[in-house]
C-alpha cells in the first residue's frame, strides 16, 4: 500500500574512490549524509539508504526537507 503523502526527492551524491580501495559518497545538500562501499554498486545502494534515512528522520522530526537545487557542470580546460 502506498502512502498518499509520499513525494519524490532528488539529490546529487559525490562518489570518490578511496586510496585503500572502495568508495566514499556524500550528499552536499544533506550535511553529514555520508556512506562507504567496497564496490561502485554497493556505494550506490548505501548512499541511497543513507539519503532515505536522513530525509525520513527530518520528516519525523517535522523539520523542513531540504531539496537539492544544485546544478553540476563538468568543465574541461586546456592549458
N, C-alpha and C. Protein backbone atom coordinates (compact mmCIF):
# COMPACT_ATOMS: atom_id res chain seq x y z
N UNK A 1 0.84 -1.18 0.00
CA UNK A 1 0.00 0.00 0.00
C UNK A 1 0.89 1.24 0.00
N UNK A 2 0.55 2.21 -0.84
CA UNK A 2 1.31 3.44 -0.94
C UNK A 2 0.69 4.52 -0.06
N UNK A 3 1.54 5.32 0.56
CA UNK A 3 1.06 6.45 1.34
C UNK A 3 0.68 7.57 0.39
N UNK A 4 -0.37 8.28 0.73
CA UNK A 4 -0.82 9.38 -0.12
C UNK A 4 0.08 10.59 -0.02
N UNK A 5 0.81 10.73 1.08
CA UNK A 5 1.63 11.91 1.29
C UNK A 5 3.08 11.72 0.84
N UNK A 6 3.34 10.69 0.02
CA UNK A 6 4.70 10.44 -0.43
C UNK A 6 5.08 11.41 -1.54
N UNK A 7 6.34 11.84 -1.52
CA UNK A 7 6.87 12.77 -2.52
C UNK A 7 8.25 12.30 -2.91
N UNK A 8 8.61 12.51 -4.15
CA UNK A 8 9.95 12.16 -4.62
C UNK A 8 10.89 13.33 -4.39
N UNK A 9 12.09 13.00 -3.95
CA UNK A 9 13.16 13.98 -3.77
C UNK A 9 14.36 13.50 -4.57
N UNK A 10 15.08 14.42 -5.19
CA UNK A 10 16.26 14.09 -5.98
C UNK A 10 17.47 14.79 -5.38
N UNK A 11 18.55 14.03 -5.19
CA UNK A 11 19.77 14.58 -4.61
C UNK A 11 20.98 14.15 -5.43
N UNK A 12 21.99 15.00 -5.45
CA UNK A 12 23.26 14.65 -6.08
C UNK A 12 24.19 14.09 -5.02
N UNK A 13 24.83 12.99 -5.33
CA UNK A 13 25.80 12.38 -4.44
C UNK A 13 27.17 12.45 -5.12
N UNK A 14 28.17 12.84 -4.36
CA UNK A 14 29.54 12.86 -4.84
C UNK A 14 30.18 11.54 -4.42
N UNK A 15 30.69 10.80 -5.39
CA UNK A 15 31.30 9.49 -5.13
C UNK A 15 32.77 9.58 -5.50
N UNK A 16 33.60 9.23 -4.53
CA UNK A 16 35.05 9.30 -4.73
C UNK A 16 35.69 7.98 -4.36
N UNK A 17 36.69 7.56 -5.14
CA UNK A 17 37.41 6.34 -4.78
C UNK A 17 38.31 6.61 -3.57
N UNK A 18 38.50 5.61 -2.73
CA UNK A 18 39.39 5.70 -1.57
C UNK A 18 40.75 5.12 -1.95
N UNK A 19 41.80 5.68 -1.40
CA UNK A 19 43.15 5.19 -1.68
C UNK A 19 43.30 3.72 -1.32
N UNK A 20 42.69 3.31 -0.21
CA UNK A 20 42.81 1.93 0.26
C UNK A 20 41.83 0.98 -0.41
N UNK A 21 41.07 1.47 -1.37
CA UNK A 21 40.08 0.68 -2.08
C UNK A 21 38.67 1.04 -1.65
N UNK A 22 37.72 0.74 -2.47
CA UNK A 22 36.33 1.06 -2.18
C UNK A 22 36.02 2.51 -2.51
N UNK A 23 34.87 2.96 -2.04
CA UNK A 23 34.38 4.30 -2.37
C UNK A 23 33.77 4.96 -1.14
N UNK A 24 33.79 6.29 -1.17
CA UNK A 24 33.09 7.11 -0.19
C UNK A 24 32.12 7.99 -0.97
N UNK A 25 30.95 8.24 -0.40
CA UNK A 25 29.98 9.11 -1.03
C UNK A 25 29.41 10.07 0.00
N UNK A 26 29.09 11.27 -0.45
CA UNK A 26 28.42 12.24 0.41
C UNK A 26 27.46 13.07 -0.42
N UNK A 27 26.49 13.66 0.27
CA UNK A 27 25.46 14.46 -0.38
C UNK A 27 25.62 15.90 0.11
N UNK A 28 26.10 16.80 -0.75
CA UNK A 28 26.38 18.17 -0.31
C UNK A 28 25.18 18.90 0.33
N UNK A 29 23.98 18.66 -0.13
CA UNK A 29 22.81 19.35 0.41
C UNK A 29 22.31 18.77 1.73
N UNK A 30 22.83 17.61 2.12
CA UNK A 30 22.40 16.97 3.37
C UNK A 30 23.63 16.81 4.27
N UNK A 31 23.93 17.81 5.08
CA UNK A 31 25.13 17.76 5.92
C UNK A 31 25.20 16.49 6.77
N UNK A 32 26.34 15.82 6.70
CA UNK A 32 26.54 14.60 7.47
C UNK A 32 26.03 13.35 6.81
N UNK A 33 25.44 13.46 5.64
CA UNK A 33 24.93 12.28 4.93
C UNK A 33 26.07 11.70 4.10
N UNK A 34 26.72 10.68 4.66
CA UNK A 34 27.87 10.04 4.02
C UNK A 34 27.73 8.53 4.11
N UNK A 35 28.46 7.84 3.25
CA UNK A 35 28.46 6.38 3.29
C UNK A 35 29.71 5.86 2.61
N UNK A 36 29.96 4.57 2.78
CA UNK A 36 31.10 3.91 2.16
C UNK A 36 30.64 2.60 1.54
N UNK A 37 31.43 2.11 0.60
CA UNK A 37 31.13 0.82 -0.02
C UNK A 37 32.36 0.26 -0.69
N UNK A 38 32.44 -1.04 -0.78
CA UNK A 38 33.59 -1.70 -1.40
C UNK A 38 33.54 -1.62 -2.92
N UNK A 39 32.34 -1.63 -3.50
CA UNK A 39 32.19 -1.56 -4.96
C UNK A 39 31.32 -0.36 -5.31
N UNK A 40 31.34 0.00 -6.60
CA UNK A 40 30.51 1.12 -7.05
C UNK A 40 29.03 0.81 -6.82
N UNK A 41 28.62 -0.41 -7.12
CA UNK A 41 27.22 -0.81 -6.93
C UNK A 41 26.84 -0.72 -5.45
N UNK A 42 27.75 -1.14 -4.58
CA UNK A 42 27.48 -1.09 -3.14
C UNK A 42 27.38 0.34 -2.64
N UNK A 43 28.24 1.23 -3.12
CA UNK A 43 28.17 2.62 -2.64
C UNK A 43 26.88 3.28 -3.12
N UNK A 44 26.42 2.95 -4.31
CA UNK A 44 25.14 3.50 -4.78
C UNK A 44 24.00 3.05 -3.87
N UNK A 45 23.99 1.78 -3.52
CA UNK A 45 22.96 1.24 -2.63
C UNK A 45 23.06 1.89 -1.25
N UNK A 46 24.27 1.99 -0.72
CA UNK A 46 24.47 2.52 0.62
C UNK A 46 24.12 4.00 0.73
N UNK A 47 24.51 4.80 -0.27
CA UNK A 47 24.20 6.23 -0.18
C UNK A 47 22.71 6.48 -0.39
N UNK A 48 22.05 5.66 -1.18
CA UNK A 48 20.59 5.78 -1.33
C UNK A 48 19.92 5.52 0.02
N UNK A 49 20.35 4.48 0.72
CA UNK A 49 19.80 4.18 2.04
C UNK A 49 20.08 5.31 3.02
N UNK A 50 21.28 5.89 2.96
CA UNK A 50 21.63 6.99 3.85
C UNK A 50 20.74 8.21 3.58
N UNK A 51 20.49 8.51 2.31
CA UNK A 51 19.62 9.62 1.95
C UNK A 51 18.20 9.37 2.45
N UNK A 52 17.68 8.17 2.22
CA UNK A 52 16.32 7.84 2.67
C UNK A 52 16.20 8.00 4.18
N UNK A 53 17.17 7.49 4.92
CA UNK A 53 17.15 7.60 6.38
C UNK A 53 17.22 9.05 6.82
N UNK A 54 18.08 9.83 6.18
CA UNK A 54 18.24 11.25 6.51
C UNK A 54 16.91 11.98 6.33
N UNK A 55 16.31 11.82 5.15
CA UNK A 55 15.07 12.55 4.84
C UNK A 55 13.91 12.05 5.72
N UNK A 56 13.81 10.73 5.94
CA UNK A 56 12.76 10.20 6.81
C UNK A 56 12.89 10.75 8.23
N UNK A 57 14.12 10.84 8.73
CA UNK A 57 14.36 11.37 10.07
C UNK A 57 13.95 12.84 10.14
N UNK A 58 14.33 13.61 9.14
CA UNK A 58 13.94 15.03 9.12
C UNK A 58 12.42 15.17 9.09
N UNK A 59 11.76 14.32 8.33
CA UNK A 59 10.29 14.36 8.23
C UNK A 59 9.65 13.99 9.58
N UNK A 60 10.17 12.95 10.23
CA UNK A 60 9.64 12.54 11.54
C UNK A 60 9.82 13.64 12.58
N UNK A 61 10.91 14.37 12.49
CA UNK A 61 11.18 15.47 13.43
C UNK A 61 10.44 16.75 13.04
N UNK A 62 9.69 16.65 11.93
CA UNK A 62 8.92 17.77 11.38
C UNK A 62 9.81 18.95 11.01
N UNK A 63 11.04 18.63 10.60
CA UNK A 63 11.95 19.64 10.07
C UNK A 63 11.67 19.83 8.60
N UNK A 64 12.06 20.97 8.09
CA UNK A 64 11.89 21.24 6.66
C UNK A 64 12.82 20.31 5.88
N UNK A 65 12.30 19.69 4.84
CA UNK A 65 13.09 18.82 3.98
C UNK A 65 13.81 19.72 2.98
N UNK A 66 15.14 19.65 3.00
CA UNK A 66 15.95 20.44 2.08
C UNK A 66 15.92 19.74 0.73
N UNK A 67 15.52 20.48 -0.29
CA UNK A 67 15.53 19.92 -1.64
C UNK A 67 16.79 20.37 -2.35
N UNK A 68 17.29 19.53 -3.23
CA UNK A 68 18.54 19.80 -3.92
C UNK A 68 18.28 20.65 -5.15
N UNK A 69 18.87 21.85 -5.15
CA UNK A 69 18.76 22.73 -6.31
C UNK A 69 20.12 22.94 -6.97
N UNK A 70 21.05 22.04 -6.66
CA UNK A 70 22.41 22.12 -7.18
C UNK A 70 22.45 21.70 -8.65
N UNK A 71 23.22 22.43 -9.42
CA UNK A 71 23.46 22.05 -10.81
C UNK A 71 24.92 21.67 -10.93
N UNK A 72 25.19 20.64 -11.68
CA UNK A 72 26.55 20.16 -11.86
C UNK A 72 26.95 20.36 -13.31
N UNK A 73 28.10 20.97 -13.49
CA UNK A 73 28.65 21.18 -14.83
C UNK A 73 30.07 20.63 -14.83
N UNK A 74 30.34 19.72 -15.73
CA UNK A 74 31.69 19.20 -15.87
C UNK A 74 32.47 20.15 -16.77
N UNK A 75 33.60 20.62 -16.29
CA UNK A 75 34.37 21.61 -17.01
C UNK A 75 35.66 20.98 -17.53
N UNK A 76 35.99 21.28 -18.75
CA UNK A 76 37.24 20.81 -19.35
C UNK A 76 38.06 22.05 -19.71
N UNK A 77 39.31 22.05 -19.28
CA UNK A 77 40.18 23.17 -19.65
C UNK A 77 41.40 22.61 -20.39
N UNK A 78 41.95 23.42 -21.24
CA UNK A 78 43.16 23.05 -21.95
C UNK A 78 44.23 24.07 -21.61
N UNK A 79 45.37 23.60 -21.17
CA UNK A 79 46.45 24.52 -20.78
C UNK A 79 47.66 24.25 -21.63
